[in-house]
Amino acid sequence: MDYKNASKHKNDGIVVEPRRKYGGLVEKLAAMYGGGGGEKQRQVTKLLVKVNIQNSLGPIHVVMSPENTVGDLTKAAIAVYVKEKRRPLLANSNPGCFQLHYSQFSLESLEEDDKLMDLGSRNFFLCPKLRNEVGIGLSSNLMS
């Protein structure tokens, strides 16, 4: 809570009322897209996204369009990781071998075709797929 400039004066003394701070991607996007009547609506053109890769020391920062998908983010994060020669080196740099999650504690992975704007978060966790999932994904790509 922000108490700065949030006080009201009464006859018997000062009453402090906290002011609520709004923040986060969802509220900012709602404010920009749900603008009022005569105002010109502002469009979000770029998002700064942080992706933590399993066993890596720090996050990868990627600037992307909100219209991009989870698959695009996975490709970009792996490309930055390989380009920066981060440690530990990835055994496989194929984006199809990785899953994107909201956090390392989330068991459910995000769908490849979900738009970044619809996710409501800018922080993600990238981990390798299980071996049997990788085999299924690669065999379906080879058949098509």
Protein backbone atom coordinates (compact mmCIF):
# COMPACT_ATOMS: atom_id res chain seq x y z
CA MET A 1 0.00 0.00 0.00
CA ASP A 2 1.13 3.52 -0.74
CA TYR A 3 0.66 5.96 2.11
CA LYS A 4 2.33 8.91 0.37
CA ASN A 5 -0.06 11.82 -0.17
CA ALA A 6 -2.96 9.70 1.06
CA SER A 7 -3.87 11.47 4.28
CA LYS A 8 -7.10 13.28 5.04
CA HIS A 9 -7.41 15.99 7.66
CA LYS A 10 -10.19 15.95 10.21
CA ASN A 11 -10.94 18.26 13.11
CA ASP A 12 -9.49 15.87 15.68
CA GLY A 13 -6.32 14.86 13.80
CA ILE A 14 -4.94 13.23 10.70
CA VAL A 15 -6.48 10.06 9.32
CA VAL A 16 -4.27 8.06 6.97
CA GLU A 17 -6.06 6.17 4.22
CA PRO A 18 -3.96 3.89 2.02
CA ARG A 19 -4.08 4.36 -1.71
CA ARG A 20 -4.18 1.19 -3.78
CA LYS A 21 -1.45 0.72 -6.35
CA TYR A 22 -2.50 -0.92 -9.57
CA GLY A 23 0.01 -2.89 -11.54
CA GLY A 24 0.58 -6.00 -13.53
CA LEU A 25 0.20 -6.87 -17.16
CA VAL A 26 -3.49 -7.72 -17.04
CA GLU A 27 -4.57 -4.39 -15.54
CA LYS A 28 -2.35 -2.36 -17.87
CA LEU A 29 -3.59 -4.20 -20.95
CA ALA A 30 -7.20 -3.79 -19.83
CA ALA A 31 -6.63 -0.07 -19.32
CA MET A 32 -5.04 0.31 -22.75
CA TYR A 33 -7.54 -1.77 -24.71
CA GLY A 34 -10.65 -0.89 -22.74
CA GLY A 35 -10.09 2.89 -22.94
CA GLY A 36 -12.87 5.42 -22.65
CA GLY A 37 -15.16 7.13 -25.15
CA GLY A 38 -13.31 9.92 -26.96
CA GLU A 39 -9.77 8.97 -26.01
CA LYS A 40 -7.41 7.53 -28.56
CA GLN A 41 -6.70 3.92 -27.59
CA ARG A 42 -3.06 2.99 -27.16
CA GLN A 43 -1.84 -0.32 -28.56
CA VAL A 44 0.73 -2.49 -26.82
CA THR A 45 3.46 -2.99 -29.40
CA LYS A 46 6.13 -4.90 -27.46
CA LEU A 47 6.36 -7.00 -24.31
CA LEU A 48 9.47 -7.68 -22.26
CA VAL A 49 9.23 -11.35 -21.30
CA LYS A 50 11.47 -13.20 -18.84
CA VAL A 51 12.05 -16.91 -19.41
CA ASN A 52 13.87 -19.05 -16.85
CA ILE A 53 15.40 -22.13 -18.41
CA GLN A 54 15.76 -25.21 -16.23
CA ASN A 55 19.19 -25.40 -14.52
CA SER A 56 20.19 -21.96 -15.85
CA LEU A 57 21.44 -19.31 -13.46
CA GLY A 58 19.39 -16.36 -14.65
CA PRO A 59 16.41 -15.54 -16.85
CA ILE A 60 16.50 -14.82 -20.57
CA HIS A 61 14.98 -11.44 -21.47
CA VAL A 62 13.09 -11.41 -24.77
CA VAL A 63 11.25 -8.49 -26.36
CA MET A 64 8.33 -9.75 -28.44
CA SER A 65 5.08 -8.62 -29.97
CA PRO A 66 1.97 -9.49 -27.93
CA GLU A 67 0.57 -11.16 -31.06
CA ASN A 68 3.34 -13.80 -31.01
CA THR A 69 2.63 -17.28 -29.74
CA VAL A 70 4.10 -19.50 -27.05
CA GLY A 71 5.95 -21.40 -29.81
CA ASP A 72 7.55 -18.16 -31.02
CA LEU A 73 8.63 -17.32 -27.47
CA THR A 74 10.16 -20.78 -27.03
CA LYS A 75 12.13 -20.43 -30.27
CA ALA A 76 13.34 -16.94 -29.37
CA ALA A 77 14.35 -17.88 -25.81
CA ILE A 78 16.36 -20.88 -27.00
CA ALA A 79 18.00 -18.81 -29.74
CA VAL A 80 19.08 -16.16 -27.20
CA TYR A 81 20.32 -18.83 -24.79
CA VAL A 82 22.47 -20.46 -27.48
CA LYS A 83 23.67 -17.12 -28.91
CA GLU A 84 24.80 -15.89 -25.47
CA LYS A 85 26.56 -19.25 -24.88
CA ARG A 86 24.91 -19.66 -21.50
CA ARG A 87 25.81 -22.54 -19.22
CA PRO A 88 24.90 -25.33 -18.94
CA LEU A 89 24.85 -25.94 -22.68
CA LEU A 90 21.63 -27.35 -24.02
CA ALA A 91 21.83 -30.97 -25.19
CA ASN A 92 19.26 -30.20 -27.88
CA SER A 93 18.39 -26.74 -29.22
CA ASN A 94 15.26 -27.90 -31.06
CA PRO A 95 12.31 -25.81 -29.74
CA GLY A 96 10.02 -28.82 -30.20
CA CYS A 97 11.86 -30.56 -27.36
CA PHE A 98 10.86 -27.94 -24.76
CA GLN A 99 7.72 -26.96 -22.85
CA LEU A 100 6.83 -23.53 -21.51
CA HIS A 101 5.19 -23.29 -18.07
CA TYR A 102 4.01 -20.41 -15.90
CA SER A 103 6.49 -21.47 -13.21
CA GLN A 104 8.68 -24.37 -12.26
CA PHE A 105 5.95 -25.52 -9.89
CA SER A 106 3.28 -25.65 -12.58
CA LEU A 107 2.68 -29.12 -13.99
CA GLU A 108 0.57 -28.02 -16.93
CA SER A 109 2.46 -26.70 -19.96
CA LEU A 110 1.17 -23.89 -22.16
CA GLU A 111 -0.23 -24.58 -25.62
CA GLU A 112 2.07 -23.73 -28.55
CA ASP A 113 -0.55 -21.59 -30.30
CA ASP A 114 -1.59 -19.44 -27.30
CA LYS A 115 -0.97 -15.72 -27.82
CA LEU A 116 1.32 -13.97 -25.33
CA MET A 117 -1.26 -11.21 -24.83
CA ASP A 118 -3.83 -13.75 -23.59
CA LEU A 119 -1.56 -15.41 -21.00
CA GLY A 120 -1.66 -12.65 -18.36
CA SER A 121 1.97 -13.10 -17.30
CA ARG A 122 5.42 -12.04 -18.46
CA ASN A 123 7.45 -14.57 -16.46
CA PHE A 124 7.76 -18.16 -17.65
CA PHE A 125 9.74 -21.35 -17.08
CA LEU A 126 11.14 -23.43 -19.95
CA CYS A 127 12.01 -27.07 -19.38
CA PRO A 128 12.77 -30.06 -21.62
CA LYS A 129 9.90 -32.37 -22.47
CA LEU A 130 9.91 -35.86 -21.09
CA ARG A 131 11.55 -38.38 -23.42
CA ASN A 132 8.32 -40.13 -24.42
CA GLU A 133 6.65 -36.77 -25.20
CA VAL A 134 9.60 -35.77 -27.38
CA GLY A 135 9.39 -39.05 -29.28
CA ILE A 136 5.66 -38.59 -29.90
CA GLY A 137 6.15 -35.00 -31.06
CA LEU A 138 9.03 -35.83 -33.40
CA SER A 139 7.30 -38.86 -34.92
CA SER A 140 4.14 -36.83 -35.66
CA ASN A 141 6.29 -34.14 -37.32
CA LEU A 142 8.05 -36.74 -39.47
CA MET A 143 4.76 -38.30 -40.64
CA SER A 144 3.25 -35.01 -41.81
